[in-house]
Amino acid sequence: MKSAKLIGLFAVLATLAFTSCKKDHTCTCTTTVGGISSTRTYDLQNQTLRDADDACERYETDANSGGIGTTSCHL
């Protein structure tokens, strides 16, 4: 009987370990051009932390590819 309980507990824990928690995140990007800064936010809805972080990094990369000013983004 003990082994059945342990197997059941292990199954529940394994399921939780492989389930990603998705929630809403906000990416904040600050762009500085000639000493003047502006900030913009992007709502990243229903994403894992890893996916939201990747999306925020893409915003930064895309903004910096224009060659005008410097942009820094973070969650």
PDB file of N, CA and C in Angstrom:
ATOM      1  N   MET A   1       0.821  -1.193   0.000  1.00  0.00           N
ATOM      2  CA  MET A   1       0.000   0.000   0.000  1.00  0.00           C
ATOM      3  C   MET A   1       0.863   1.255   0.000  1.00  0.00           C
ATOM      4  N   LYS A   2       1.995   1.220   0.743  1.00  0.00           N
ATOM      5  CA  LYS A   2       2.878   2.376   0.782  1.00  0.00           C
ATOM      6  C   LYS A   2       3.450   2.695  -0.587  1.00  0.00           C
ATOM      7  N   SER A   3       3.809   1.671  -1.324  1.00  0.00           N
ATOM      8  CA  SER A   3       4.410   1.910  -2.640  1.00  0.00           C
ATOM      9  C   SER A   3       3.386   2.523  -3.607  1.00  0.00           C
ATOM     10  N   ALA A   4       2.136   2.169  -3.485  1.00  0.00           N
ATOM     11  CA  ALA A   4       1.114   2.756  -4.337  1.00  0.00           C
ATOM     12  C   ALA A   4       0.965   4.249  -4.046  1.00  0.00           C
ATOM     13  N   LYS A   5       1.023   4.632  -2.780  1.00  0.00           N
ATOM     14  CA  LYS A   5       0.943   6.034  -2.404  1.00  0.00           C
ATOM     15  C   LYS A   5       2.164   6.800  -2.908  1.00  0.00           C
ATOM     16  N   LEU A   6       3.333   6.180  -2.801  1.00  0.00           N
ATOM     17  CA  LEU A   6       4.554   6.825  -3.275  1.00  0.00           C
ATOM     18  C   LEU A   6       4.530   7.014  -4.787  1.00  0.00           C
ATOM     19  N   ILE A   7       4.032   6.028  -5.506  1.00  0.00           N
ATOM     20  CA  ILE A   7       3.943   6.131  -6.961  1.00  0.00           C
ATOM     21  C   ILE A   7       2.953   7.236  -7.334  1.00  0.00           C
ATOM     22  N   GLY A   8       1.845   7.317  -6.643  1.00  0.00           N
ATOM     23  CA  GLY A   8       0.857   8.364  -6.894  1.00  0.00           C
ATOM     24  C   GLY A   8       1.431   9.745  -6.608  1.00  0.00           C
ATOM     25  N   LEU A   9       2.142   9.868  -5.509  1.00  0.00           N
ATOM     26  CA  LEU A   9       2.773  11.134  -5.161  1.00  0.00           C
ATOM     27  C   LEU A   9       3.821  11.522  -6.199  1.00  0.00           C
ATOM     28  N   PHE A  10       4.622  10.566  -6.629  1.00  0.00           N
ATOM     29  CA  PHE A  10       5.628  10.826  -7.654  1.00  0.00           C
ATOM     30  C   PHE A  10       4.971  11.283  -8.959  1.00  0.00           C
ATOM     31  N   ALA A  11       3.868  10.671  -9.337  1.00  0.00           N
ATOM     32  CA  ALA A  11       3.163  11.049 -10.568  1.00  0.00           C
ATOM     33  C   ALA A  11       2.665  12.496 -10.487  1.00  0.00           C
ATOM     34  N   VAL A  12       2.142  12.880  -9.348  1.00  0.00           N
ATOM     35  CA  VAL A  12       1.657  14.251  -9.168  1.00  0.00           C
ATOM     36  C   VAL A  12       2.819  15.238  -9.229  1.00  0.00           C
ATOM     37  N   LEU A  13       3.908  14.939  -8.545  1.00  0.00           N
ATOM     38  CA  LEU A  13       5.070  15.826  -8.547  1.00  0.00           C
ATOM     39  C   LEU A  13       5.697  15.933  -9.932  1.00  0.00           C
ATOM     40  N   ALA A  14       5.753  14.829 -10.667  1.00  0.00           N
ATOM     41  CA  ALA A  14       6.305  14.852 -12.022  1.00  0.00           C
ATOM     42  C   ALA A  14       5.445  15.714 -12.935  1.00  0.00           C
ATOM     43  N   THR A  15       4.148  15.629 -12.784  1.00  0.00           N
ATOM     44  CA  THR A  15       3.240  16.449 -13.588  1.00  0.00           C
ATOM     45  C   THR A  15       3.454  17.924 -13.301  1.00  0.00           C
ATOM     46  N   LEU A  16       3.585  18.281 -12.041  1.00  0.00           N
ATOM     47  CA  LEU A  16       3.816  19.675 -11.666  1.00  0.00           C
ATOM     48  C   LEU A  16       5.163  20.177 -12.172  1.00  0.00           C
ATOM     49  N   ALA A  17       6.159  19.310 -12.169  1.00  0.00           N
ATOM     50  CA  ALA A  17       7.495  19.709 -12.617  1.00  0.00           C
ATOM     51  C   ALA A  17       7.527  20.033 -14.098  1.00  0.00           C
ATOM     52  N   PHE A  18       6.705  19.356 -14.884  1.00  0.00           N
ATOM     53  CA  PHE A  18       6.718  19.564 -16.322  1.00  0.00           C
ATOM     54  C   PHE A  18       5.648  20.543 -16.804  1.00  0.00           C
ATOM     55  N   THR A  19       4.913  21.140 -15.900  1.00  0.00           N
ATOM     56  CA  THR A  19       3.888  22.106 -16.248  1.00  0.00           C
ATOM     57  C   THR A  19       4.460  23.498 -16.085  1.00  0.00           C
ATOM     58  N   SER A  20       4.383  24.314 -17.123  1.00  0.00           N
ATOM     59  CA  SER A  20       4.891  25.672 -17.057  1.00  0.00           C
ATOM     60  C   SER A  20       3.802  26.606 -16.552  1.00  0.00           C
ATOM     61  N   CYS A  21       4.182  27.490 -15.687  1.00  0.00           N
ATOM     62  CA  CYS A  21       3.245  28.476 -15.159  1.00  0.00           C
ATOM     63  C   CYS A  21       3.209  29.658 -16.112  1.00  0.00           C
ATOM     64  N   LYS A  22       2.056  29.912 -16.704  1.00  0.00           N
ATOM     65  CA  LYS A  22       1.907  31.024 -17.628  1.00  0.00           C
ATOM     66  C   LYS A  22       1.155  32.143 -16.934  1.00  0.00           C
ATOM     67  N   LYS A  23       1.635  33.348 -17.129  1.00  0.00           N
ATOM     68  CA  LYS A  23       0.945  34.519 -16.592  1.00  0.00           C
ATOM     69  C   LYS A  23       1.315  35.730 -17.426  1.00  0.00           C
ATOM     70  N   ASP A  24       0.776  36.877 -17.056  1.00  0.00           N
ATOM     71  CA  ASP A  24       1.029  38.104 -17.798  1.00  0.00           C
ATOM     72  C   ASP A  24       2.302  38.771 -17.272  1.00  0.00           C
ATOM     73  N   HIS A  25       3.094  39.298 -18.203  1.00  0.00           N
ATOM     74  CA  HIS A  25       4.326  40.001 -17.861  1.00  0.00           C
ATOM     75  C   HIS A  25       4.323  41.338 -18.593  1.00  0.00           C
ATOM     76  N   THR A  26       5.148  42.263 -18.127  1.00  0.00           N
ATOM     77  CA  THR A  26       5.302  43.557 -18.784  1.00  0.00           C
ATOM     78  C   THR A  26       6.772  43.784 -19.089  1.00  0.00           C
ATOM     79  N   CYS A  27       7.050  44.070 -20.357  1.00  0.00           N
ATOM     80  CA  CYS A  27       8.398  44.395 -20.797  1.00  0.00           C
ATOM     81  C   CYS A  27       8.495  45.925 -20.873  1.00  0.00           C
ATOM     82  N   THR A  28       9.475  46.485 -20.191  1.00  0.00           N
ATOM     83  CA  THR A  28       9.678  47.928 -20.180  1.00  0.00           C
ATOM     84  C   THR A  28      10.957  48.249 -20.940  1.00  0.00           C
ATOM     85  N   CYS A  29      10.834  49.083 -21.976  1.00  0.00           N
ATOM     86  CA  CYS A  29      11.976  49.458 -22.803  1.00  0.00           C
ATOM     87  C   CYS A  29      12.225  50.956 -22.673  1.00  0.00           C
ATOM     88  N   THR A  30      13.474  51.306 -22.418  1.00  0.00           N
ATOM     89  CA  THR A  30      13.876  52.698 -22.332  1.00  0.00           C
ATOM     90  C   THR A  30      14.849  52.984 -23.462  1.00  0.00           C
ATOM     91  N   THR A  31      14.520  53.986 -24.272  1.00  0.00           N
ATOM     92  CA  THR A  31      15.352  54.389 -25.395  1.00  0.00           C
ATOM     93  C   THR A  31      15.939  55.764 -25.111  1.00  0.00           C
ATOM     94  N   THR A  32      17.246  55.881 -25.325  1.00  0.00           N
ATOM     95  CA  THR A  32      17.938  57.148 -25.115  1.00  0.00           C
ATOM     96  C   THR A  32      18.557  57.602 -26.430  1.00  0.00           C
ATOM     97  N   VAL A  33      18.198  58.820 -26.838  1.00  0.00           N
ATOM     98  CA  VAL A  33      18.737  59.433 -28.056  1.00  0.00           C
ATOM     99  C   VAL A  33      19.193  60.842 -27.693  1.00  0.00           C
ATOM    100  N   GLY A  34      20.477  61.105 -27.856  1.00  0.00           N
ATOM    101  CA  GLY A  34      20.998  62.441 -27.591  1.00  0.00           C
ATOM    102  C   GLY A  34      20.714  62.954 -26.189  1.00  0.00           C
ATOM    103  N   GLY A  35      20.755  62.089 -25.203  1.00  0.00           N
ATOM    104  CA  GLY A  35      20.534  62.485 -23.815  1.00  0.00           C
ATOM    105  C   GLY A  35      19.074  62.568 -23.402  1.00  0.00           C
ATOM    106  N   ILE A  36      18.156  62.308 -24.327  1.00  0.00           N
ATOM    107  CA  ILE A  36      16.727  62.329 -24.011  1.00  0.00           C
ATOM    108  C   ILE A  36      16.217  60.891 -23.995  1.00  0.00           C
ATOM    109  N   SER A  37      15.550  60.524 -22.918  1.00  0.00           N
ATOM    110  CA  SER A  37      15.056  59.155 -22.755  1.00  0.00           C
ATOM    111  C   SER A  37      13.536  59.100 -22.864  1.00  0.00           C
ATOM    112  N   SER A  38      13.052  58.001 -23.415  1.00  0.00           N
ATOM    113  CA  SER A  38      11.613  57.735 -23.423  1.00  0.00           C
ATOM    114  C   SER A  38      11.417  56.265 -23.079  1.00  0.00           C
ATOM    115  N   THR A  39      10.307  55.988 -22.443  1.00  0.00           N
ATOM    116  CA  THR A  39      10.016  54.633 -21.993  1.00  0.00           C
ATOM    117  C   THR A  39       8.724  54.146 -22.617  1.00  0.00           C
ATOM    118  N   ARG A  40       8.734  52.870 -23.014  1.00  0.00           N
ATOM    119  CA  ARG A  40       7.543  52.244 -23.583  1.00  0.00           C
ATOM    120  C   ARG A  40       7.384  50.874 -22.943  1.00  0.00           C
ATOM    121  N   THR A  41       6.142  50.477 -22.694  1.00  0.00           N
ATOM    122  CA  THR A  41       5.884  49.159 -22.116  1.00  0.00           C
ATOM    123  C   THR A  41       5.126  48.291 -23.108  1.00  0.00           C
ATOM    124  N   TYR A  42       5.378  46.990 -23.020  1.00  0.00           N
ATOM    125  CA  TYR A  42       4.705  46.000 -23.857  1.00  0.00           C
ATOM    126  C   TYR A  42       4.096  44.947 -22.937  1.00  0.00           C
ATOM    127  N   ASP A  43       2.813  44.679 -23.108  1.00  0.00           N
ATOM    128  CA  ASP A  43       2.146  43.639 -22.335  1.00  0.00           C
ATOM    129  C   ASP A  43       2.373  42.294 -23.014  1.00  0.00           C
ATOM    130  N   LEU A  44       2.891  41.348 -22.262  1.00  0.00           N
ATOM    131  CA  LEU A  44       3.138  39.997 -22.753  1.00  0.00           C
ATOM    132  C   LEU A  44       2.199  39.071 -21.983  1.00  0.00           C
ATOM    133  N   GLN A  45       1.099  38.723 -22.608  1.00  0.00           N
ATOM    134  CA  GLN A  45       0.039  38.005 -21.908  1.00  0.00           C
ATOM    135  C   GLN A  45       0.171  36.497 -22.050  1.00  0.00           C
ATOM    136  N   ASN A  46      -0.139  35.812 -20.956  1.00  0.00           N
ATOM    137  CA  ASN A  46      -0.232  34.356 -20.902  1.00  0.00           C
ATOM    138  C   ASN A  46       1.035  33.686 -21.437  1.00  0.00           C
ATOM    139  N   GLN A  47       2.190  34.072 -20.888  1.00  0.00           N
ATOM    140  CA  GLN A  47       3.462  33.507 -21.303  1.00  0.00           C
ATOM    141  C   GLN A  47       4.249  33.016 -20.102  1.00  0.00           C
ATOM    142  N   THR A  48       5.102  32.030 -20.347  1.00  0.00           N
ATOM    143  CA  THR A  48       6.023  31.601 -19.301  1.00  0.00           C
ATOM    144  C   THR A  48       7.064  32.700 -19.124  1.00  0.00           C
ATOM    145  N   LEU A  49       7.771  32.664 -18.021  1.00  0.00           N
ATOM    146  CA  LEU A  49       8.799  33.660 -17.761  1.00  0.00           C
ATOM    147  C   LEU A  49       9.880  33.600 -18.842  1.00  0.00           C
ATOM    148  N   ARG A  50      10.266  32.405 -19.239  1.00  0.00           N
ATOM    149  CA  ARG A  50      11.298  32.245 -20.270  1.00  0.00           C
ATOM    150  C   ARG A  50      10.841  32.841 -21.603  1.00  0.00           C
ATOM    151  N   ASP A  51       9.596  32.551 -22.020  1.00  0.00           N
ATOM    152  CA  ASP A  51       9.079  33.094 -23.280  1.00  0.00           C
ATOM    153  C   ASP A  51       8.954  34.611 -23.229  1.00  0.00           C
ATOM    154  N   ALA A  52       8.502  35.136 -22.098  1.00  0.00           N
ATOM    155  CA  ALA A  52       8.367  36.583 -21.953  1.00  0.00           C
ATOM    156  C   ALA A  52       9.740  37.255 -21.993  1.00  0.00           C
ATOM    157  N   ASP A  53      10.725  36.641 -21.356  1.00  0.00           N
ATOM    158  CA  ASP A  53      12.080  37.182 -21.371  1.00  0.00           C
ATOM    159  C   ASP A  53      12.646  37.183 -22.792  1.00  0.00           C
ATOM    160  N   ASP A  54      12.412  36.113 -23.535  1.00  0.00           N
ATOM    161  CA  ASP A  54      12.863  36.045 -24.931  1.00  0.00           C
ATOM    162  C   ASP A  54      12.197  37.126 -25.781  1.00  0.00           C
ATOM    163  N   ALA A  55      10.898  37.329 -25.589  1.00  0.00           N
ATOM    164  CA  ALA A  55      10.175  38.352 -26.344  1.00  0.00           C
ATOM    165  C   ALA A  55      10.705  39.740 -26.009  1.00  0.00           C
ATOM    166  N   CYS A  56      10.988  39.982 -24.750  1.00  0.00           N
ATOM    167  CA  CYS A  56      11.504  41.274 -24.324  1.00  0.00           C
ATOM    168  C   CYS A  56      12.897  41.519 -24.925  1.00  0.00           C
ATOM    169  N   GLU A  57      13.711  40.491 -24.973  1.00  0.00           N
ATOM    170  CA  GLU A  57      15.029  40.611 -25.605  1.00  0.00           C
ATOM    171  C   GLU A  57      14.897  40.917 -27.097  1.00  0.00           C
ATOM    172  N   ARG A  58      13.897  40.336 -27.754  1.00  0.00           N
ATOM    173  CA  ARG A  58      13.669  40.624 -29.177  1.00  0.00           C
ATOM    174  C   ARG A  58      13.274  42.082 -29.387  1.00  0.00           C
ATOM    175  N   TYR A  59      12.449  42.629 -28.482  1.00  0.00           N
ATOM    176  CA  TYR A  59      12.098  44.050 -28.575  1.00  0.00           C
ATOM    177  C   TYR A  59      13.368  44.905 -28.512  1.00  0.00           C
ATOM    178  N   GLU A  60      14.259  44.555 -27.595  1.00  0.00           N
ATOM    179  CA  GLU A  60      15.504  45.311 -27.448  1.00  0.00           C
ATOM    180  C   GLU A  60      16.379  45.186 -28.700  1.00  0.00           C
ATOM    181  N   THR A  61      16.527  43.973 -29.198  1.00  0.00           N
ATOM    182  CA  THR A  61      17.339  43.741 -30.396  1.00  0.00           C
ATOM    183  C   THR A  61      16.775  44.495 -31.593  1.00  0.00           C
ATOM    184  N   ASP A  62      15.463  44.416 -31.780  1.00  0.00           N
ATOM    185  CA  ASP A  62      14.827  45.105 -32.907  1.00  0.00           C
ATOM    186  C   ASP A  62      14.997  46.626 -32.798  1.00  0.00           C
ATOM    187  N   ALA A  63      14.834  47.160 -31.597  1.00  0.00           N
ATOM    188  CA  ALA A  63      14.946  48.605 -31.406  1.00  0.00           C
ATOM    189  C   ALA A  63      16.378  49.080 -31.656  1.00  0.00           C
ATOM    190  N   ASN A  64      17.360  48.269 -31.269  1.00  0.00           N
ATOM    191  CA  ASN A  64      18.754  48.662 -31.450  1.00  0.00           C
ATOM    192  C   ASN A  64      19.258  48.439 -32.868  1.00  0.00           C
ATOM    193  N   SER A  65      18.520  47.691 -33.675  1.00  0.00           N
ATOM    194  CA  SER A  65      18.965  47.427 -35.037  1.00  0.00           C
ATOM    195  C   SER A  65      18.815  48.650 -35.937  1.00  0.00           C
ATOM    196  N   GLY A  66      18.024  49.640 -35.536  1.00  0.00           N
ATOM    197  CA  GLY A  66      17.816  50.849 -36.321  1.00  0.00           C
ATOM    198  C   GLY A  66      19.004  51.786 -36.296  1.00  0.00           C
ATOM    199  N   GLY A  67      19.889  51.630 -35.321  1.00  0.00           N
ATOM    200  CA  GLY A  67      21.077  52.469 -35.233  1.00  0.00           C
ATOM    201  C   GLY A  67      20.836  53.850 -34.680  1.00  0.00           C
ATOM    202  N   ILE A  68      19.627  54.138 -34.226  1.00  0.00           N
ATOM    203  CA  ILE A  68      19.329  55.453 -33.658  1.00  0.00           C
ATOM    204  C   ILE A  68      19.133  55.289 -32.159  1.00  0.00           C
ATOM    205  N   GLY A  69      20.046  55.803 -31.370  1.00  0.00           N
ATOM    206  CA  GLY A  69      19.938  55.724 -29.929  1.00  0.00           C
ATOM    207  C   GLY A  69      20.245  54.345 -29.402  1.00  0.00           C
ATOM    208  N   THR A  70      20.041  54.210 -28.104  1.00  0.00           N
ATOM    209  CA  THR A  70      20.274  52.951 -27.410  1.00  0.00           C
ATOM    210  C   THR A  70      19.017  52.567 -26.640  1.00  0.00           C
ATOM    211  N   THR A  71      18.608  51.309 -26.792  1.00  0.00           N
ATOM    212  CA  THR A  71      17.419  50.832 -26.104  1.00  0.00           C
ATOM    213  C   THR A  71      17.792  49.699 -25.166  1.00  0.00           C
ATOM    214  N   SER A  72      17.228  49.742 -23.963  1.00  0.00           N
ATOM    215  CA  SER A  72      17.419  48.687 -22.967  1.00  0.00           C
ATOM    216  C   SER A  72      16.033  48.234 -22.504  1.00  0.00           C
ATOM    217  N   CYS A  73      15.791  46.920 -22.565  1.00  0.00           N
ATOM    218  CA  CYS A  73      14.484  46.367 -22.176  1.00  0.00           C
ATOM    219  C   CYS A  73      14.665  45.359 -21.042  1.00  0.00           C
ATOM    220  N   HIS A  74      13.677  45.301 -20.162  1.00  0.00           N
ATOM    221  CA  HIS A  74      13.673  44.316 -19.075  1.00  0.00           C
ATOM    222  C   HIS A  74      12.237  44.036 -18.630  1.00  0.00           C
ATOM    223  N   LEU A  75      12.061  42.873 -18.016  1.00  0.00           N
ATOM    224  CA  LEU A  75      10.737  42.507 -17.483  1.00  0.00           C
ATOM    225  C   LEU A  75      10.524  43.195 -16.164  1.00  0.00           C
TER     226      LEU A  75
END
